[in-house]
Amino acid sequence: MRNQDLTKLAIARVVDARGNSCPGPLLEAKKWIGRVKIGEVLEIKSSDPGTRKDIPAWAEKAGHDYFGVLEAGEHDRLFVARRK
């Protein structure tokens, strides 16, 4: 998905994991993905650079859709849709 398309996603819930180091943002994503409905999008805000690798790998392994990342100043915005 292209970056401009990411800004148009309907976000069901935002998880603010800024300031948490690895594996904090990943643990927050795992915790909150079950609190959105199947098909809805979870946005994870993270300032930990490792999250750029951790979230897509976890989403693929868990069977969710990883849409991509947007840089937002000093943090990233990552987008995952729940699939099961």
N, C-alpha and C. Protein backbone atom coordinates (compact mmCIF):
# COMPACT_ATOMS: atom_id res chain seq x y z
N MET A 1 0.86 -1.18 0.00
CA MET A 1 0.00 0.00 0.00
C MET A 1 0.90 1.24 0.00
N ARG A 2 0.56 2.19 -0.80
CA ARG A 2 1.36 3.42 -0.88
C ARG A 2 1.09 4.30 0.34
N ASN A 3 2.09 5.13 0.68
CA ASN A 3 1.98 5.98 1.87
C ASN A 3 0.75 6.87 1.85
N GLN A 4 0.41 7.45 0.70
CA GLN A 4 -0.75 8.33 0.67
C GLN A 4 -2.03 7.54 0.97
N ASP A 5 -2.07 6.27 0.62
CA ASP A 5 -3.23 5.45 0.93
C ASP A 5 -3.33 5.17 2.43
N LEU A 6 -2.20 5.09 3.11
CA LEU A 6 -2.21 4.83 4.55
C LEU A 6 -2.92 5.93 5.31
N THR A 7 -2.83 7.14 4.84
CA THR A 7 -3.47 8.26 5.53
C THR A 7 -4.99 8.21 5.40
N LYS A 8 -5.49 7.39 4.48
CA LYS A 8 -6.93 7.30 4.26
C LYS A 8 -7.57 6.11 4.96
N LEU A 9 -6.77 5.31 5.66
CA LEU A 9 -7.32 4.15 6.37
C LEU A 9 -8.26 4.57 7.49
N ALA A 10 -9.31 3.80 7.68
CA ALA A 10 -10.19 4.00 8.84
C ALA A 10 -9.56 3.24 10.01
N ILE A 11 -9.13 3.97 11.01
CA ILE A 11 -8.44 3.38 12.15
C ILE A 11 -9.45 3.08 13.26
N ALA A 12 -9.48 1.83 13.70
CA ALA A 12 -10.40 1.45 14.77
C ALA A 12 -9.84 1.80 16.14
N ARG A 13 -8.53 1.67 16.30
CA ARG A 13 -7.89 1.95 17.59
C ARG A 13 -6.45 2.33 17.35
N VAL A 14 -5.95 3.27 18.16
CA VAL A 14 -4.56 3.70 18.11
C VAL A 14 -3.88 3.28 19.40
N VAL A 15 -2.75 2.61 19.25
CA VAL A 15 -1.94 2.20 20.40
C VAL A 15 -0.71 3.10 20.42
N ASP A 16 -0.54 3.83 21.50
CA ASP A 16 0.60 4.74 21.61
C ASP A 16 1.69 4.06 22.42
N ALA A 17 2.68 3.51 21.70
CA ALA A 17 3.79 2.82 22.35
C ALA A 17 5.07 3.64 22.24
N ARG A 18 4.93 4.94 21.99
CA ARG A 18 6.11 5.80 21.90
C ARG A 18 6.81 5.81 23.25
N GLY A 19 8.14 5.76 23.21
CA GLY A 19 8.92 5.76 24.43
C GLY A 19 9.20 4.37 24.96
N ASN A 20 8.50 3.36 24.46
CA ASN A 20 8.75 1.97 24.87
C ASN A 20 9.81 1.36 23.98
N SER A 21 10.76 0.68 24.60
CA SER A 21 11.78 0.00 23.80
C SER A 21 11.33 -1.42 23.51
N CYS A 22 12.01 -2.06 22.59
CA CYS A 22 11.70 -3.42 22.18
C CYS A 22 11.74 -4.35 23.39
N PRO A 23 10.78 -5.19 23.58
CA PRO A 23 9.68 -5.57 22.71
C PRO A 23 8.36 -4.88 23.05
N GLY A 24 8.40 -3.76 23.76
CA GLY A 24 7.19 -3.08 24.22
C GLY A 24 6.16 -2.80 23.15
N PRO A 25 6.53 -2.16 22.03
CA PRO A 25 5.53 -1.88 21.00
C PRO A 25 4.89 -3.15 20.43
N LEU A 26 5.68 -4.20 20.25
CA LEU A 26 5.14 -5.46 19.75
C LEU A 26 4.17 -6.07 20.75
N LEU A 27 4.52 -6.05 22.02
CA LEU A 27 3.62 -6.59 23.05
C LEU A 27 2.31 -5.81 23.11
N GLU A 28 2.39 -4.50 22.94
CA GLU A 28 1.18 -3.67 22.92
C GLU A 28 0.31 -4.02 21.70
N ALA A 29 0.94 -4.22 20.55
CA ALA A 29 0.19 -4.59 19.35
C ALA A 29 -0.51 -5.93 19.55
N LYS A 30 0.19 -6.90 20.12
CA LYS A 30 -0.41 -8.21 20.38
C LYS A 30 -1.58 -8.10 21.34
N LYS A 31 -1.44 -7.27 22.33
CA LYS A 31 -2.50 -7.08 23.33
C LYS A 31 -3.74 -6.44 22.72
N TRP A 32 -3.56 -5.43 21.88
CA TRP A 32 -4.68 -4.65 21.38
C TRP A 32 -5.32 -5.18 20.11
N ILE A 33 -4.63 -6.04 19.35
CA ILE A 33 -5.22 -6.54 18.11
C ILE A 33 -6.51 -7.32 18.40
N GLY A 34 -6.58 -7.97 19.53
CA GLY A 34 -7.78 -8.72 19.89
C GLY A 34 -8.94 -7.85 20.31
N ARG A 35 -8.70 -6.57 20.45
CA ARG A 35 -9.74 -5.63 20.88
C ARG A 35 -10.33 -4.84 19.73
N VAL A 36 -9.88 -5.14 18.51
CA VAL A 36 -10.53 -4.58 17.33
C VAL A 36 -11.24 -5.73 16.61
N LYS A 37 -12.26 -5.39 15.87
CA LYS A 37 -13.01 -6.41 15.15
C LYS A 37 -12.23 -6.90 13.93
N ILE A 38 -12.54 -8.11 13.50
CA ILE A 38 -11.92 -8.65 12.30
C ILE A 38 -12.20 -7.70 11.14
N GLY A 39 -11.14 -7.35 10.42
CA GLY A 39 -11.24 -6.41 9.30
C GLY A 39 -10.90 -4.99 9.68
N GLU A 40 -10.91 -4.68 10.98
CA GLU A 40 -10.57 -3.32 11.41
C GLU A 40 -9.05 -3.15 11.50
N VAL A 41 -8.64 -1.88 11.50
CA VAL A 41 -7.22 -1.54 11.48
C VAL A 41 -6.77 -0.99 12.83
N LEU A 42 -5.64 -1.53 13.27
CA LEU A 42 -4.96 -1.07 14.48
C LEU A 42 -3.76 -0.24 14.04
N GLU A 43 -3.62 0.96 14.60
CA GLU A 43 -2.45 1.79 14.34
C GLU A 43 -1.56 1.73 15.57
N ILE A 44 -0.28 1.47 15.35
CA ILE A 44 0.70 1.43 16.44
C ILE A 44 1.67 2.59 16.25
N LYS A 45 1.76 3.46 17.25
CA LYS A 45 2.73 4.55 17.22
C LYS A 45 3.94 4.09 18.02
N SER A 46 5.12 4.18 17.41
CA SER A 46 6.33 3.69 18.08
C SER A 46 7.52 4.57 17.73
N SER A 47 8.36 4.79 18.73
CA SER A 47 9.62 5.51 18.51
C SER A 47 10.81 4.56 18.50
N ASP A 48 10.56 3.26 18.65
CA ASP A 48 11.63 2.25 18.64
C ASP A 48 11.85 1.78 17.20
N PRO A 49 13.06 1.94 16.66
CA PRO A 49 13.30 1.57 15.27
C PRO A 49 13.10 0.09 14.98
N GLY A 50 13.26 -0.77 15.95
CA GLY A 50 13.07 -2.20 15.76
C GLY A 50 11.65 -2.59 15.42
N THR A 51 10.72 -1.71 15.75
CA THR A 51 9.30 -1.98 15.49
C THR A 51 9.04 -2.12 13.99
N ARG A 52 9.82 -1.45 13.17
CA ARG A 52 9.65 -1.52 11.71
C ARG A 52 9.83 -2.95 11.19
N LYS A 53 10.62 -3.74 11.89
CA LYS A 53 10.81 -5.15 11.50
C LYS A 53 9.88 -6.06 12.29
N ASP A 54 9.70 -5.75 13.57
CA ASP A 54 8.93 -6.63 14.46
C ASP A 54 7.46 -6.73 14.07
N ILE A 55 6.82 -5.60 13.80
CA ILE A 55 5.37 -5.61 13.53
C ILE A 55 5.04 -6.35 12.23
N PRO A 56 5.72 -6.09 11.12
CA PRO A 56 5.39 -6.85 9.90
C PRO A 56 5.63 -8.35 10.06
N ALA A 57 6.71 -8.73 10.73
CA ALA A 57 7.01 -10.16 10.93
C ALA A 57 5.93 -10.81 11.78
N TRP A 58 5.53 -10.15 12.86
CA TRP A 58 4.48 -10.69 13.71
C TRP A 58 3.16 -10.78 12.96
N ALA A 59 2.80 -9.74 12.22
CA ALA A 59 1.52 -9.73 11.49
C ALA A 59 1.47 -10.90 10.51
N GLU A 60 2.55 -11.13 9.80
CA GLU A 60 2.57 -12.25 8.84
C GLU A 60 2.43 -13.59 9.57
N LYS A 61 3.17 -13.76 10.63
CA LYS A 61 3.13 -15.01 11.40
C LYS A 61 1.75 -15.25 12.01
N ALA A 62 1.11 -14.18 12.48
CA ALA A 62 -0.18 -14.29 13.15
C ALA A 62 -1.36 -14.33 12.17
N GLY A 63 -1.10 -14.05 10.89
CA GLY A 63 -2.16 -14.09 9.90
C GLY A 63 -2.93 -12.79 9.74
N HIS A 64 -2.33 -11.68 10.14
CA HIS A 64 -2.96 -10.37 9.98
C HIS A 64 -2.34 -9.67 8.77
N ASP A 65 -2.97 -8.59 8.31
CA ASP A 65 -2.45 -7.82 7.18
C ASP A 65 -1.67 -6.61 7.66
N TYR A 66 -0.41 -6.55 7.31
CA TYR A 66 0.42 -5.38 7.60
C TYR A 66 0.35 -4.46 6.39
N PHE A 67 -0.10 -3.22 6.58
CA PHE A 67 -0.27 -2.29 5.47
C PHE A 67 0.94 -1.40 5.23
N GLY A 68 1.74 -1.14 6.27
CA GLY A 68 2.90 -0.30 6.06
C GLY A 68 3.14 0.66 7.21
N VAL A 69 4.08 1.56 6.97
CA VAL A 69 4.52 2.50 8.00
C VAL A 69 4.61 3.91 7.41
N LEU A 70 4.26 4.87 8.23
CA LEU A 70 4.43 6.29 7.91
C LEU A 70 5.35 6.90 8.96
N GLU A 71 6.30 7.71 8.53
CA GLU A 71 7.13 8.45 9.47
C GLU A 71 6.34 9.67 9.92
N ALA A 72 6.36 9.93 11.21
CA ALA A 72 5.63 11.07 11.77
C ALA A 72 6.53 11.81 12.74
N GLY A 73 7.52 12.47 12.21
CA GLY A 73 8.45 13.19 13.09
C GLY A 73 9.37 12.22 13.80
N GLU A 74 9.25 12.18 15.13
CA GLU A 74 10.15 11.35 15.92
C GLU A 74 9.60 9.96 16.20
N HIS A 75 8.51 9.61 15.54
CA HIS A 75 7.96 8.26 15.72
C HIS A 75 7.39 7.76 14.39
N ASP A 76 7.07 6.48 14.38
CA ASP A 76 6.47 5.85 13.22
C ASP A 76 5.02 5.51 13.52
N ARG A 77 4.23 5.42 12.47
CA ARG A 77 2.84 4.96 12.55
C ARG A 77 2.74 3.71 11.69
N LEU A 78 2.45 2.57 12.32
CA LEU A 78 2.36 1.30 11.63
C LEU A 78 0.92 0.83 11.64
N PHE A 79 0.50 0.16 10.56
CA PHE A 79 -0.91 -0.18 10.39
C PHE A 79 -1.09 -1.68 10.14
N VAL A 80 -1.95 -2.30 10.95
CA VAL A 80 -2.22 -3.73 10.86
C VAL A 80 -3.72 -3.96 10.90
N ALA A 81 -4.22 -4.77 9.97
CA ALA A 81 -5.64 -5.14 9.98
C ALA A 81 -5.78 -6.54 10.58
N ARG A 82 -6.71 -6.68 11.49
CA ARG A 82 -6.97 -7.99 12.11
C ARG A 82 -7.68 -8.88 11.09
N ARG A 83 -7.21 -10.12 10.97
CA ARG A 83 -7.78 -11.06 10.03
C ARG A 83 -8.34 -12.32 10.68
N LYS A 84 -8.11 -12.50 11.96
CA LYS A 84 -8.70 -13.68 12.63
C LYS A 84 -8.89 -13.42 14.10
